[in-house]
Amino acid sequence: MNVESLDLLGAITAIAIFGSSILTFTARLVFGVGAGHWVGIPTLLAAIPLAYLLLTAPGAGRPFLYYVQVGVMLAWIVLLFVLDYWLGIPWREERWQLISYVTLYFGGLGGMVGISFLAGRGWGTAAAILFFVAGTLAFVQRAVTGV
């Protein structure tokens, strides 16, 4: 795959992650916390293209920041899977755990905005707008649902 195709894959993956996050937060607001759990499954699938982007990064001559951006998002997805889907631990009740998780989440989302800009200004701008929508919904649904 050439560099331009990898950039496009990164941008599409970012938009999918933002879209899935927005749908998850909206489902939690409208239908309750349980619905958000199942709506968020596409986010887990984003681990596949993210892992591919990491594996192909050396051949594409990516800088260190690229590895950090993709790696942080991938780390968050793995953490999401382990805590919510595999172990089902009620970790959101501990403030320090929640803050750590949300910090990793927003760090990953911010990195995906950067990845999107590699595909062009339009992709990056769309990702930045969706970043703010997802961020706003994250805090609103937390305030409304407590989770």
C-alpha atoms as a PDB file:
ATOM      1  CA  MET A   1       0.000   0.000   0.000  1.00  0.00           C
ATOM      2  CA  ASN A   2       1.431   3.411  -0.899  1.00  0.00           C
ATOM      3  CA  VAL A   3       1.750   6.282   1.574  1.00  0.00           C
ATOM      4  CA  GLU A   4      -1.281   8.141   0.218  1.00  0.00           C
ATOM      5  CA  SER A   5      -3.453   5.053   0.665  1.00  0.00           C
ATOM      6  CA  LEU A   6      -2.148   4.604   4.212  1.00  0.00           C
ATOM      7  CA  ASP A   7      -2.957   8.250   4.933  1.00  0.00           C
ATOM      8  CA  LEU A   8      -6.488   7.736   3.628  1.00  0.00           C
ATOM      9  CA  LEU A   9      -6.874   4.562   5.707  1.00  0.00           C
ATOM     10  CA  GLY A  10      -5.770   6.525   8.776  1.00  0.00           C
ATOM     11  CA  ALA A  11      -8.253   9.311   8.082  1.00  0.00           C
ATOM     12  CA  ILE A  12     -11.149   6.922   7.468  1.00  0.00           C
ATOM     13  CA  THR A  13     -10.278   5.019  10.645  1.00  0.00           C
ATOM     14  CA  ALA A  14     -10.206   8.280  12.597  1.00  0.00           C
ATOM     15  CA  ILE A  15     -13.587   9.369  11.244  1.00  0.00           C
ATOM     16  CA  ALA A  16     -14.995   5.927  12.088  1.00  0.00           C
ATOM     17  CA  ILE A  17     -13.675   6.180  15.657  1.00  0.00           C
ATOM     18  CA  PHE A  18     -15.162   9.647  16.074  1.00  0.00           C
ATOM     19  CA  GLY A  19     -18.454   8.504  14.571  1.00  0.00           C
ATOM     20  CA  SER A  20     -18.605   5.442  16.789  1.00  0.00           C
ATOM     21  CA  SER A  21     -17.821   7.556  19.853  1.00  0.00           C
ATOM     22  CA  ILE A  22     -20.560  10.023  18.957  1.00  0.00           C
ATOM     23  CA  LEU A  23     -23.063   7.201  18.415  1.00  0.00           C
ATOM     24  CA  THR A  24     -22.061   5.569  21.707  1.00  0.00           C
ATOM     25  CA  PHE A  25     -22.499   8.758  23.734  1.00  0.00           C
ATOM     26  CA  THR A  26     -25.779   9.542  21.985  1.00  0.00           C
ATOM     27  CA  ALA A  27     -27.093   6.004  22.600  1.00  0.00           C
ATOM     28  CA  ARG A  28     -26.200   6.331  26.278  1.00  0.00           C
ATOM     29  CA  LEU A  29     -28.109   9.607  26.474  1.00  0.00           C
ATOM     30  CA  VAL A  30     -31.170   8.368  24.614  1.00  0.00           C
ATOM     31  CA  PHE A  31     -31.416   4.691  25.560  1.00  0.00           C
ATOM     32  CA  GLY A  32     -29.289   4.344  28.697  1.00  0.00           C
ATOM     33  CA  VAL A  33     -25.820   3.122  29.494  1.00  0.00           C
ATOM     34  CA  GLY A  34     -26.360  -0.482  28.351  1.00  0.00           C
ATOM     35  CA  ALA A  35     -27.115   0.535  24.774  1.00  0.00           C
ATOM     36  CA  GLY A  36     -23.861   2.445  24.555  1.00  0.00           C
ATOM     37  CA  HIS A  37     -21.981  -0.740  25.336  1.00  0.00           C
ATOM     38  CA  TRP A  38     -23.124  -2.498  22.163  1.00  0.00           C
ATOM     39  CA  VAL A  39     -23.061   0.550  19.926  1.00  0.00           C
ATOM     40  CA  GLY A  40     -19.380   0.983  20.811  1.00  0.00           C
ATOM     41  CA  ILE A  41     -18.297  -2.339  19.316  1.00  0.00           C
ATOM     42  CA  PRO A  42     -17.224  -0.765  15.978  1.00  0.00           C
ATOM     43  CA  THR A  43     -14.655   1.209  17.941  1.00  0.00           C
ATOM     44  CA  LEU A  44     -13.046  -2.081  18.924  1.00  0.00           C
ATOM     45  CA  LEU A  45     -12.804  -3.068  15.272  1.00  0.00           C
ATOM     46  CA  ALA A  46     -10.745   0.060  14.613  1.00  0.00           C
ATOM     47  CA  ALA A  47      -7.872  -1.788  16.288  1.00  0.00           C
ATOM     48  CA  ILE A  48      -7.377  -3.760  13.065  1.00  0.00           C
ATOM     49  CA  PRO A  49      -6.545  -0.838  10.746  1.00  0.00           C
ATOM     50  CA  LEU A  50      -4.628   0.888  13.573  1.00  0.00           C
ATOM     51  CA  ALA A  51      -2.429  -2.193  14.032  1.00  0.00           C
ATOM     52  CA  TYR A  52      -1.917  -2.284  10.267  1.00  0.00           C
ATOM     53  CA  LEU A  53      -0.918   1.381  10.260  1.00  0.00           C
ATOM     54  CA  LEU A  54       1.645   0.677  12.977  1.00  0.00           C
ATOM     55  CA  LEU A  55       3.039  -2.323  11.124  1.00  0.00           C
ATOM     56  CA  THR A  56       3.413  -0.401   7.873  1.00  0.00           C
ATOM     57  CA  ALA A  57       4.759   2.775   9.499  1.00  0.00           C
ATOM     58  CA  PRO A  58       8.468   1.874   9.155  1.00  0.00           C
ATOM     59  CA  GLY A  59       8.128   1.240   5.412  1.00  0.00           C
ATOM     60  CA  ALA A  60       6.263   4.527   5.006  1.00  0.00           C
ATOM     61  CA  GLY A  61       9.038   6.435   6.776  1.00  0.00           C
ATOM     62  CA  ARG A  62       6.751   7.719   9.533  1.00  0.00           C
ATOM     63  CA  PRO A  63       8.182   9.983  12.236  1.00  0.00           C
ATOM     64  CA  PHE A  64       8.150   9.008  15.929  1.00  0.00           C
ATOM     65  CA  LEU A  65       5.062  11.163  16.584  1.00  0.00           C
ATOM     66  CA  TYR A  66       3.047   8.993  14.195  1.00  0.00           C
ATOM     67  CA  TYR A  67       3.808   5.913  16.289  1.00  0.00           C
ATOM     68  CA  VAL A  68       2.725   7.775  19.413  1.00  0.00           C
ATOM     69  CA  GLN A  69      -0.510   8.996  17.823  1.00  0.00           C
ATOM     70  CA  VAL A  70      -1.560   5.594  16.517  1.00  0.00           C
ATOM     71  CA  GLY A  71      -0.171   3.768  19.549  1.00  0.00           C
ATOM     72  CA  VAL A  72      -2.089   5.829  22.097  1.00  0.00           C
ATOM     73  CA  MET A  73      -5.381   5.272  20.263  1.00  0.00           C
ATOM     74  CA  LEU A  74      -4.649   1.566  19.961  1.00  0.00           C
ATOM     75  CA  ALA A  75      -3.721   1.375  23.655  1.00  0.00           C
ATOM     76  CA  TRP A  76      -7.026   3.016  24.566  1.00  0.00           C
ATOM     77  CA  ILE A  77      -8.981   0.534  22.437  1.00  0.00           C
ATOM     78  CA  VAL A  78      -7.176  -2.390  24.064  1.00  0.00           C
ATOM     79  CA  LEU A  79      -7.898  -0.924  27.508  1.00  0.00           C
ATOM     80  CA  LEU A  80     -11.556  -0.411  26.544  1.00  0.00           C
ATOM     81  CA  PHE A  81     -11.820  -4.033  25.451  1.00  0.00           C
ATOM     82  CA  VAL A  82     -10.128  -5.426  28.559  1.00  0.00           C
ATOM     83  CA  LEU A  83     -12.041  -3.334  31.103  1.00  0.00           C
ATOM     84  CA  ASP A  84     -15.505  -3.129  29.555  1.00  0.00           C
ATOM     85  CA  TYR A  85     -15.907  -6.134  27.287  1.00  0.00           C
ATOM     86  CA  TRP A  86     -13.618  -8.836  28.671  1.00  0.00           C
ATOM     87  CA  LEU A  87     -13.419  -8.294  32.433  1.00  0.00           C
ATOM     88  CA  GLY A  88     -16.493  -6.096  32.879  1.00  0.00           C
ATOM     89  CA  ILE A  89     -14.933  -4.280  35.816  1.00  0.00           C
ATOM     90  CA  PRO A  90     -16.904  -1.283  37.230  1.00  0.00           C
ATOM     91  CA  TRP A  91     -13.797   0.911  37.058  1.00  0.00           C
ATOM     92  CA  ARG A  92     -15.612   4.189  36.333  1.00  0.00           C
ATOM     93  CA  GLU A  93     -16.497   4.595  40.009  1.00  0.00           C
ATOM     94  CA  GLU A  94     -12.900   5.393  40.988  1.00  0.00           C
ATOM     95  CA  ARG A  95     -12.091   8.976  40.054  1.00  0.00           C
ATOM     96  CA  TRP A  96      -8.365   8.417  39.406  1.00  0.00           C
ATOM     97  CA  GLN A  97      -9.132   5.478  37.098  1.00  0.00           C
ATOM     98  CA  LEU A  98     -11.731   7.466  35.204  1.00  0.00           C
ATOM     99  CA  ILE A  99      -9.416  10.451  34.801  1.00  0.00           C
ATOM    100  CA  SER A 100      -6.594   8.203  33.550  1.00  0.00           C
ATOM    101  CA  TYR A 101      -8.930   6.506  31.081  1.00  0.00           C
ATOM    102  CA  VAL A 102     -10.409   9.762  29.779  1.00  0.00           C
ATOM    103  CA  THR A 103      -6.935  11.276  29.429  1.00  0.00           C
ATOM    104  CA  LEU A 104      -5.830   8.312  27.313  1.00  0.00           C
ATOM    105  CA  TYR A 105      -9.060   8.540  25.292  1.00  0.00           C
ATOM    106  CA  PHE A 106      -8.650  12.216  24.485  1.00  0.00           C
ATOM    107  CA  GLY A 107      -4.955  11.753  23.809  1.00  0.00           C
ATOM    108  CA  GLY A 108      -5.849   9.046  21.300  1.00  0.00           C
ATOM    109  CA  LEU A 109      -8.573  11.146  19.696  1.00  0.00           C
ATOM    110  CA  GLY A 110      -6.241  14.114  19.403  1.00  0.00           C
ATOM    111  CA  GLY A 111      -3.661  11.907  17.757  1.00  0.00           C
ATOM    112  CA  MET A 112      -6.263  10.703  15.278  1.00  0.00           C
ATOM    113  CA  VAL A 113      -6.951  14.307  14.304  1.00  0.00           C
ATOM    114  CA  GLY A 114      -3.263  14.598  13.470  1.00  0.00           C
ATOM    115  CA  ILE A 115      -3.355  11.351  11.498  1.00  0.00           C
ATOM    116  CA  SER A 116      -6.365  12.657   9.554  1.00  0.00           C
ATOM    117  CA  PHE A 117      -4.514  15.771   8.442  1.00  0.00           C
ATOM    118  CA  LEU A 118      -1.977  13.538   6.675  1.00  0.00           C
ATOM    119  CA  ALA A 119      -4.736  12.675   4.173  1.00  0.00           C
ATOM    120  CA  GLY A 120      -5.460  16.344   3.518  1.00  0.00           C
ATOM    121  CA  ARG A 121      -6.942  19.472   5.001  1.00  0.00           C
ATOM    122  CA  GLY A 122     -10.552  18.359   4.427  1.00  0.00           C
ATOM    123  CA  TRP A 123     -10.068  15.085   6.296  1.00  0.00           C
ATOM    124  CA  GLY A 124      -8.265  16.835   9.120  1.00  0.00           C
ATOM    125  CA  THR A 125     -10.879  19.551   9.436  1.00  0.00           C
ATOM    126  CA  ALA A 126     -13.688  16.985   9.505  1.00  0.00           C
ATOM    127  CA  ALA A 127     -11.816  15.025  12.177  1.00  0.00           C
ATOM    128  CA  ALA A 128     -11.235  18.165  14.259  1.00  0.00           C
ATOM    129  CA  ILE A 129     -14.931  19.056  14.153  1.00  0.00           C
ATOM    130  CA  LEU A 130     -15.920  15.508  15.102  1.00  0.00           C
ATOM    131  CA  PHE A 131     -13.336  15.592  17.902  1.00  0.00           C
ATOM    132  CA  PHE A 132     -15.138  18.550  19.477  1.00  0.00           C
ATOM    133  CA  VAL A 133     -18.551  16.921  19.003  1.00  0.00           C
ATOM    134  CA  ALA A 134     -17.363  13.666  20.595  1.00  0.00           C
ATOM    135  CA  GLY A 135     -15.656  15.547  23.412  1.00  0.00           C
ATOM    136  CA  THR A 136     -18.729  17.594  24.188  1.00  0.00           C
ATOM    137  CA  LEU A 137     -20.974  14.520  24.134  1.00  0.00           C
ATOM    138  CA  ALA A 138     -18.550  12.619  26.381  1.00  0.00           C
ATOM    139  CA  PHE A 139     -18.874  15.220  29.124  1.00  0.00           C
ATOM    140  CA  VAL A 140     -22.608  15.768  28.613  1.00  0.00           C
ATOM    141  CA  GLN A 141     -23.431  12.059  28.799  1.00  0.00           C
ATOM    142  CA  ARG A 142     -21.210  11.671  31.859  1.00  0.00           C
ATOM    143  CA  ALA A 143     -23.055  14.525  33.573  1.00  0.00           C
ATOM    144  CA  VAL A 144     -26.470  13.074  32.627  1.00  0.00           C
ATOM    145  CA  THR A 145     -25.846   9.348  33.164  1.00  0.00           C
ATOM    146  CA  GLY A 146     -23.067   9.421  35.745  1.00  0.00           C
ATOM    147  CA  VAL A 147     -21.126   6.834  33.739  1.00  0.00           C
END
